[in-house]
Amino acid sequence: MSILAQAETETLFQVLDQSVTILMQQLSVSYIDALIETGDNLLSQSVHVENGKPSQQQADELQALYQTIELQQFDAETIRRAVQLALLKAIHNDRVDPNHQMTPDSIGLLTAYLIAKLVGAKSDLSILDMAVGTGNLLTTVINQLQPDRQNVIHGYGVDNDDNQLAIAAMSMELQHSAVELFHQDALDPLVMPKTTVVIGDLPVGYYPLDERVQHFQTKATNGHSYVHHLMIEQAMSQLVPGGWGVFLVPTNIFQSQESQGLVQWMGSSAYLQGLLNLPKNLFLDEKSRKSIVVLQKRGANAKQAGKVLLGDFPSFEDQRAFQAFTAQIDAWVGQNINR
């Protein structure tokens, strides 16, 4: 990130944070709720007052604060980064549930890099995020891929947490992202059009409603099913033939006892094209480590790669090793992927 971009991000973050601080005190709400209210104020270019709150003095102070910036002068990525900084502060202030925390930028950039290599310079690109949360992963990917495309990238996001979706909606509207959000259980029938790419930092654990997943091939033979297995199956069904799925999953996804159903489902529905372990230093321990799994839906020009892309991403700090590893990925794509 350039010094100018960093300065712009910091400027916008300071306006967001100061506004949030005022609204938290005036409205007696959490950092997250005050951030959503701030976003709405910026979008409407006015201060929303209800039942005399915030007071006239504080409303005037907020209005003066908003006038110190020209929102349209910031690009989408600057806005995303500023909102992300505010959300990181919210995680600390509000003690956000770890399952609701954002996907780090580094992983979003890797996801965007892989998608760019896999799909090439297609004119039309649509992306579904199966666990969109606050939208950081989806908007990171879109903002990285959009400059190289003439047509607007259409995004879709699904989540069952209305508070998370409210944050995503505010952030995406500020960024002018062409994204539609759906408040629903991701395992219920999906109503958006089929997409060329589906992504997701998938939740890990058991899905408690056994009766609702009886038609899934990846369901467990006994007891509760793994939600990340079910979501992968659901996501891949929402792709056009030959479409790509790029998911954040537990590194041991194919080593658990429950993996047999996932592997059997893949035999008829998807090609396993890659499994790349993320750098160890991103995680507290090996148990919590995650990988990026790359699947391709069968059909169209899709075929199983002659050699599955396997490996460990080196630390992002080791630039020489990282560049060497991405060069290997570039070579693998050239040798194995039909676009």
Protein backbone atom coordinates (compact mmCIF):
# COMPACT_ATOMS: atom_id res chain seq x y z
CA MET A 1 0.00 0.00 0.00
CA SER A 2 1.37 3.43 -0.97
CA ILE A 3 1.97 6.18 1.59
CA LEU A 4 -0.87 8.21 0.01
CA ALA A 5 -3.32 5.31 0.19
CA GLN A 6 -2.32 4.68 3.80
CA ALA A 7 -2.87 8.35 4.67
CA GLU A 8 -6.29 8.39 3.00
CA THR A 9 -7.31 5.21 4.84
CA GLU A 10 -6.21 6.72 8.16
CA THR A 11 -8.08 9.98 7.45
CA LEU A 12 -11.34 8.17 6.74
CA PHE A 13 -10.89 5.83 9.71
CA GLN A 14 -10.43 8.79 12.07
CA VAL A 15 -13.73 10.30 10.88
CA LEU A 16 -15.49 6.93 11.34
CA ASP A 17 -13.97 6.35 14.77
CA GLN A 18 -14.69 9.86 16.11
CA SER A 19 -18.27 9.67 14.86
CA VAL A 20 -18.72 6.23 16.42
CA THR A 21 -17.38 7.45 19.76
CA ILE A 22 -19.92 10.31 19.83
CA LEU A 23 -22.83 8.06 18.82
CA MET A 24 -21.92 5.35 21.34
CA GLN A 25 -22.20 7.90 24.13
CA GLN A 26 -25.30 9.64 22.78
CA LEU A 27 -27.28 6.51 21.82
CA SER A 28 -25.91 4.10 24.46
CA VAL A 29 -25.10 1.48 21.82
CA SER A 30 -22.16 -0.79 20.95
CA TYR A 31 -19.28 0.20 18.68
CA ILE A 32 -20.73 -1.98 15.89
CA ASP A 33 -24.19 -0.39 16.09
CA ALA A 34 -22.69 3.10 16.16
CA LEU A 35 -20.54 2.21 13.13
CA ILE A 36 -23.62 1.12 11.16
CA GLU A 37 -25.33 4.39 12.12
CA THR A 38 -22.24 6.32 11.03
CA GLY A 39 -22.25 4.61 7.65
CA ASP A 40 -25.92 5.46 7.17
CA ASN A 41 -25.23 9.10 8.09
CA LEU A 42 -22.39 9.32 5.59
CA LEU A 43 -24.50 7.78 2.84
CA SER A 44 -27.41 10.16 3.49
CA GLN A 45 -25.03 13.10 4.12
CA SER A 46 -27.04 13.97 7.19
CA VAL A 47 -27.26 13.07 10.87
CA HIS A 48 -30.17 10.87 11.84
CA VAL A 49 -31.86 12.18 15.01
CA GLU A 50 -34.56 10.23 16.85
CA ASN A 51 -36.22 11.15 20.14
CA GLY A 52 -33.77 14.03 20.55
CA LYS A 53 -30.68 11.81 20.23
CA PRO A 54 -28.03 12.75 19.38
CA SER A 55 -28.47 16.23 20.85
CA GLN A 56 -28.42 19.27 18.57
CA GLN A 57 -24.92 20.14 19.72
CA GLN A 58 -23.62 16.64 19.00
CA ALA A 59 -25.50 16.48 15.68
CA ASP A 60 -23.80 19.73 14.64
CA GLU A 61 -20.45 18.29 15.72
CA LEU A 62 -21.06 15.15 13.65
CA GLN A 63 -22.13 17.18 10.62
CA ALA A 64 -18.95 19.25 10.83
CA LEU A 65 -16.92 16.04 11.14
CA TYR A 66 -18.52 14.55 8.01
CA GLN A 67 -17.80 17.74 6.06
CA THR A 68 -14.07 17.30 6.59
CA ILE A 69 -14.04 14.51 3.98
CA GLU A 70 -15.32 14.06 0.42
CA LEU A 71 -16.47 10.43 0.35
CA GLN A 72 -16.55 10.26 -3.45
CA GLN A 73 -12.83 11.04 -3.56
CA PHE A 74 -11.96 7.73 -1.88
CA ASP A 75 -11.73 4.58 -3.99
CA ALA A 76 -13.49 1.38 -2.95
CA GLU A 77 -10.35 -0.24 -1.52
CA THR A 78 -9.57 2.77 0.69
CA ILE A 79 -13.12 2.70 2.06
CA ARG A 80 -12.94 -1.06 2.65
CA ARG A 81 -9.67 -0.72 4.57
CA ALA A 82 -11.00 2.14 6.71
CA VAL A 83 -14.16 0.18 7.58
CA GLN A 84 -11.97 -2.84 8.34
CA LEU A 85 -9.89 -0.79 10.80
CA ALA A 86 -13.10 0.30 12.50
CA LEU A 87 -14.30 -3.31 12.65
CA LEU A 88 -11.00 -4.42 14.18
CA LYS A 89 -11.54 -1.83 16.91
CA ALA A 90 -15.11 -3.08 17.32
CA ILE A 91 -13.84 -6.64 17.80
CA HIS A 92 -11.72 -5.39 20.70
CA ASN A 93 -14.35 -3.05 22.17
CA ASP A 94 -17.40 -5.31 21.80
CA ARG A 95 -15.58 -8.61 22.39
CA VAL A 96 -16.95 -10.07 19.17
CA ASP A 97 -17.47 -13.84 18.93
CA PRO A 98 -14.40 -15.37 17.17
CA ASN A 99 -16.74 -17.00 14.62
CA HIS A 100 -17.83 -13.50 13.56
CA GLN A 101 -14.35 -12.08 13.08
CA MET A 102 -13.12 -10.99 9.66
CA THR A 103 -11.07 -12.96 7.19
CA PRO A 104 -7.61 -11.29 7.17
CA ASP A 105 -6.68 -9.19 4.14
CA SER A 106 -3.71 -11.45 3.35
CA ILE A 107 -6.05 -14.41 2.81
CA GLY A 108 -8.44 -12.27 0.76
CA LEU A 109 -5.56 -11.22 -1.50
CA LEU A 110 -4.48 -14.84 -1.95
CA THR A 111 -8.06 -15.82 -2.82
CA ALA A 112 -8.23 -13.04 -5.41
CA TYR A 113 -4.87 -14.07 -6.87
CA LEU A 114 -6.00 -17.70 -7.27
CA ILE A 115 -9.31 -16.71 -8.86
CA ALA A 116 -7.54 -14.40 -11.33
CA LYS A 117 -5.27 -17.26 -12.40
CA LEU A 118 -8.08 -19.82 -12.64
CA VAL A 119 -10.68 -17.83 -14.58
CA GLY A 120 -8.36 -15.71 -16.72
CA ALA A 121 -9.58 -12.47 -18.24
CA LYS A 122 -13.20 -13.48 -18.74
CA SER A 123 -15.42 -10.51 -19.53
CA ASP A 124 -18.20 -11.58 -17.17
CA LEU A 125 -17.48 -12.65 -13.62
CA SER A 126 -19.93 -13.25 -10.79
CA ILE A 127 -18.94 -14.31 -7.28
CA LEU A 128 -20.99 -15.79 -4.45
CA ASP A 129 -19.71 -15.73 -0.86
CA MET A 130 -21.43 -18.50 1.11
CA ALA A 131 -20.54 -17.04 4.53
CA VAL A 132 -20.26 -13.35 3.75
CA GLY A 133 -20.26 -12.00 7.32
CA THR A 134 -19.17 -8.35 7.26
CA GLY A 135 -18.19 -8.70 3.59
CA ASN A 136 -14.44 -8.20 3.99
CA LEU A 137 -13.42 -11.29 1.99
CA LEU A 138 -15.89 -10.66 -0.83
CA THR A 139 -15.07 -6.97 -1.23
CA THR A 140 -11.31 -7.64 -1.02
CA VAL A 141 -11.64 -10.12 -3.89
CA ILE A 142 -13.89 -7.86 -5.99
CA ASN A 143 -11.70 -4.79 -5.46
CA GLN A 144 -8.60 -6.74 -6.54
CA LEU A 145 -10.21 -8.27 -9.65
CA GLN A 146 -12.36 -5.38 -10.90
CA PRO A 147 -9.59 -3.12 -12.33
CA ASP A 148 -8.64 -5.79 -14.90
CA ARG A 149 -12.20 -6.20 -16.19
CA GLN A 150 -14.36 -4.06 -18.44
CA ASN A 151 -17.65 -5.43 -17.08
CA VAL A 152 -18.79 -4.91 -13.50
CA ILE A 153 -18.25 -7.94 -11.24
CA HIS A 154 -21.55 -8.96 -9.69
CA GLY A 155 -21.36 -10.28 -6.15
CA TYR A 156 -23.77 -12.17 -3.92
CA GLY A 157 -23.47 -12.79 -0.22
CA VAL A 158 -25.34 -15.11 2.15
CA ASP A 159 -25.41 -15.01 5.95
CA ASN A 160 -27.89 -15.79 8.70
CA ASP A 161 -26.64 -13.04 11.05
CA ASP A 162 -28.59 -9.84 10.42
CA ASN A 163 -26.11 -7.69 12.36
CA GLN A 164 -23.19 -8.91 10.26
CA LEU A 165 -25.21 -8.32 7.09
CA ALA A 166 -26.05 -4.77 8.21
CA ILE A 167 -22.32 -4.05 8.47
CA ALA A 168 -21.68 -5.66 5.08
CA ALA A 169 -24.51 -3.67 3.47
CA MET A 170 -23.19 -0.39 4.90
CA SER A 171 -19.60 -1.12 3.83
CA MET A 172 -20.60 -2.25 0.33
CA GLU A 173 -22.86 0.74 -0.24
CA LEU A 174 -20.04 3.08 0.75
CA GLN A 175 -17.79 1.22 -1.73
CA HIS A 176 -20.46 1.23 -4.48
CA SER A 177 -20.07 -2.54 -4.80
CA ALA A 178 -22.49 -4.36 -7.10
CA VAL A 179 -23.40 -6.92 -4.44
CA GLU A 180 -26.75 -8.40 -3.40
CA LEU A 181 -27.03 -9.73 0.16
CA PHE A 182 -29.35 -12.50 1.32
CA HIS A 183 -30.35 -13.01 4.96
CA GLN A 184 -30.87 -16.77 5.22
CA ASP A 185 -29.42 -20.09 6.28
CA ALA A 186 -26.87 -20.91 3.58
CA LEU A 187 -28.16 -24.50 3.48
CA ASP A 188 -31.70 -23.45 2.56
CA PRO A 189 -32.51 -23.17 -1.18
CA LEU A 190 -30.55 -20.32 -2.77
CA VAL A 191 -32.38 -17.90 -5.06
CA MET A 192 -29.57 -15.90 -6.72
CA PRO A 193 -28.42 -16.77 -10.27
CA LYS A 194 -25.72 -19.39 -10.70
CA THR A 195 -22.26 -17.82 -10.56
CA THR A 196 -18.84 -18.39 -12.13
CA VAL A 197 -17.03 -18.43 -8.78
CA VAL A 198 -18.04 -19.22 -5.22
CA ILE A 199 -15.89 -18.44 -2.18
CA GLY A 200 -16.21 -18.76 1.57
CA ASP A 201 -14.32 -18.63 4.84
CA LEU A 202 -16.49 -21.50 5.97
CA PRO A 203 -17.70 -21.99 9.54
CA VAL A 204 -16.38 -25.17 11.12
CA GLY A 205 -18.42 -27.49 13.30
CA TYR A 206 -21.63 -29.48 13.32
CA TYR A 207 -24.94 -28.47 11.75
CA PRO A 208 -27.61 -29.19 14.39
CA LEU A 209 -30.72 -29.53 12.20
CA ASP A 210 -30.35 -33.07 10.86
CA GLU A 211 -33.81 -33.19 9.27
CA ARG A 212 -32.99 -30.24 7.00
CA VAL A 213 -29.96 -31.85 5.32
CA GLN A 214 -31.30 -35.29 4.46
CA HIS A 215 -30.96 -34.60 0.73
CA PHE A 216 -27.25 -33.68 0.99
CA GLN A 217 -24.76 -36.29 -0.17
CA THR A 218 -22.16 -34.97 2.30
CA LYS A 219 -24.38 -35.54 5.36
CA ALA A 220 -23.04 -37.76 8.12
CA THR A 221 -24.18 -41.38 8.25
CA ASN A 222 -24.68 -41.01 12.02
CA GLY A 223 -25.27 -37.93 14.16
CA HIS A 224 -24.77 -34.32 13.12
CA SER A 225 -23.07 -33.44 9.83
CA TYR A 226 -20.12 -31.10 9.38
CA VAL A 227 -21.45 -27.72 8.31
CA HIS A 228 -18.39 -26.96 6.16
CA HIS A 229 -18.93 -30.17 4.17
CA LEU A 230 -22.59 -29.31 3.60
CA MET A 231 -21.77 -25.73 2.61
CA ILE A 232 -19.20 -26.88 0.05
CA GLU A 233 -21.80 -29.14 -1.57
CA GLN A 234 -24.41 -26.37 -1.52
CA ALA A 235 -21.96 -23.83 -2.93
CA MET A 236 -20.82 -26.02 -5.81
CA SER A 237 -24.44 -26.66 -6.81
CA GLN A 238 -24.81 -22.89 -7.29
CA LEU A 239 -22.04 -22.72 -9.91
CA VAL A 240 -22.31 -22.78 -13.67
CA PRO A 241 -20.68 -25.89 -15.24
CA GLY A 242 -16.91 -25.55 -15.04
CA GLY A 243 -17.20 -22.89 -12.32
CA TRP A 244 -14.72 -22.59 -9.47
CA GLY A 245 -15.02 -22.96 -5.71
CA VAL A 246 -12.26 -21.48 -3.53
CA PHE A 247 -12.85 -22.17 0.16
CA LEU A 248 -11.06 -21.66 3.47
CA VAL A 249 -11.29 -24.98 5.31
CA PRO A 250 -9.56 -26.87 8.15
CA THR A 251 -6.21 -28.22 6.97
CA ASN A 252 -7.25 -31.74 7.99
CA ILE A 253 -10.48 -31.66 5.95
CA PHE A 254 -9.65 -34.90 4.12
CA GLN A 255 -8.21 -36.67 7.16
CA SER A 256 -11.26 -36.80 9.45
CA GLN A 257 -13.58 -39.80 9.73
CA GLU A 258 -16.40 -37.74 8.22
CA SER A 259 -14.42 -36.97 5.04
CA GLN A 260 -15.55 -40.15 3.26
CA GLY A 261 -18.93 -38.65 2.32
CA LEU A 262 -17.22 -35.49 1.02
CA VAL A 263 -14.84 -37.51 -1.15
CA GLN A 264 -17.68 -39.67 -2.51
CA TRP A 265 -19.71 -36.57 -3.40
CA MET A 266 -16.72 -35.06 -5.21
CA GLY A 267 -16.47 -38.20 -7.33
CA SER A 268 -19.61 -37.21 -9.22
CA SER A 269 -19.85 -33.44 -8.74
CA ALA A 270 -16.47 -31.72 -8.53
CA TYR A 271 -12.78 -32.03 -9.35
CA LEU A 272 -10.32 -31.47 -6.53
CA GLN A 273 -7.81 -29.23 -8.29
CA GLY A 274 -5.82 -27.84 -5.39
CA LEU A 275 -5.20 -27.86 -1.63
CA LEU A 276 -2.83 -25.17 -0.39
CA ASN A 277 -1.92 -24.88 3.27
CA LEU A 278 -1.78 -21.31 4.57
CA PRO A 279 1.35 -20.08 6.42
CA LYS A 280 1.70 -21.55 9.90
CA ASN A 281 2.41 -18.17 11.47
CA LEU A 282 -1.14 -16.98 10.69
CA PHE A 283 -2.55 -19.40 13.27
CA LEU A 284 -2.19 -20.04 16.99
CA ASP A 285 -1.37 -23.72 16.51
CA GLU A 286 -1.47 -26.56 13.98
CA LYS A 287 -4.94 -27.56 15.17
CA SER A 288 -6.43 -24.23 14.11
CA ARG A 289 -4.52 -24.01 10.82
CA LYS A 290 -6.53 -23.58 7.63
CA SER A 291 -6.02 -24.32 3.96
CA ILE A 292 -7.46 -23.11 0.68
CA VAL A 293 -9.22 -25.89 -1.20
CA VAL A 294 -9.82 -25.35 -4.92
CA LEU A 295 -12.69 -27.26 -6.54
CA GLN A 296 -14.05 -27.11 -10.06
CA LYS A 297 -17.59 -28.06 -10.96
CA ARG A 298 -17.82 -30.80 -13.54
CA GLY A 299 -19.09 -29.91 -16.99
CA ALA A 300 -18.22 -27.45 -19.79
CA ASN A 301 -14.45 -27.65 -20.46
CA ALA A 302 -13.57 -28.76 -16.92
CA LYS A 303 -11.36 -31.77 -16.43
CA GLN A 304 -9.26 -33.21 -13.63
CA ALA A 305 -5.81 -31.64 -13.53
CA GLY A 306 -3.02 -34.06 -14.37
CA LYS A 307 -1.49 -33.21 -11.02
CA VAL A 308 -3.43 -31.75 -8.08
CA LEU A 309 -1.93 -28.45 -6.88
CA LEU A 310 -0.55 -29.19 -3.42
CA GLY A 311 1.79 -27.22 -1.21
CA ASP A 312 2.39 -24.90 1.71
CA PHE A 313 2.37 -21.15 1.28
CA PRO A 314 5.57 -19.77 2.79
CA SER A 315 5.41 -16.90 5.25
CA PHE A 316 4.32 -13.64 3.65
CA GLU A 317 7.43 -12.04 5.17
CA ASP A 318 9.70 -14.28 3.09
CA GLN A 319 9.15 -12.49 -0.23
CA ARG A 320 11.65 -14.54 -2.24
CA ALA A 321 10.12 -17.87 -1.18
CA PHE A 322 6.61 -16.49 -1.68
CA GLN A 323 7.37 -15.31 -5.22
CA ALA A 324 8.94 -18.68 -6.04
CA PHE A 325 5.82 -20.47 -4.79
CA THR A 326 3.43 -18.27 -6.81
CA ALA A 327 5.60 -18.89 -9.88
CA GLN A 328 4.99 -22.62 -9.37
CA ILE A 329 1.24 -21.95 -9.20
CA ASP A 330 1.41 -19.92 -12.43
CA ALA A 331 3.20 -22.79 -14.14
CA TRP A 332 0.67 -25.33 -12.83
CA VAL A 333 -2.25 -23.26 -14.15
CA GLY A 334 -0.62 -23.01 -17.56
CA GLN A 335 -0.14 -26.77 -17.74
CA ASN A 336 -3.42 -27.98 -16.23
CA ILE A 337 -6.33 -25.56 -16.57
CA ASN A 338 -8.62 -25.13 -19.59
CA ARG A 339 -10.28 -21.70 -19.65
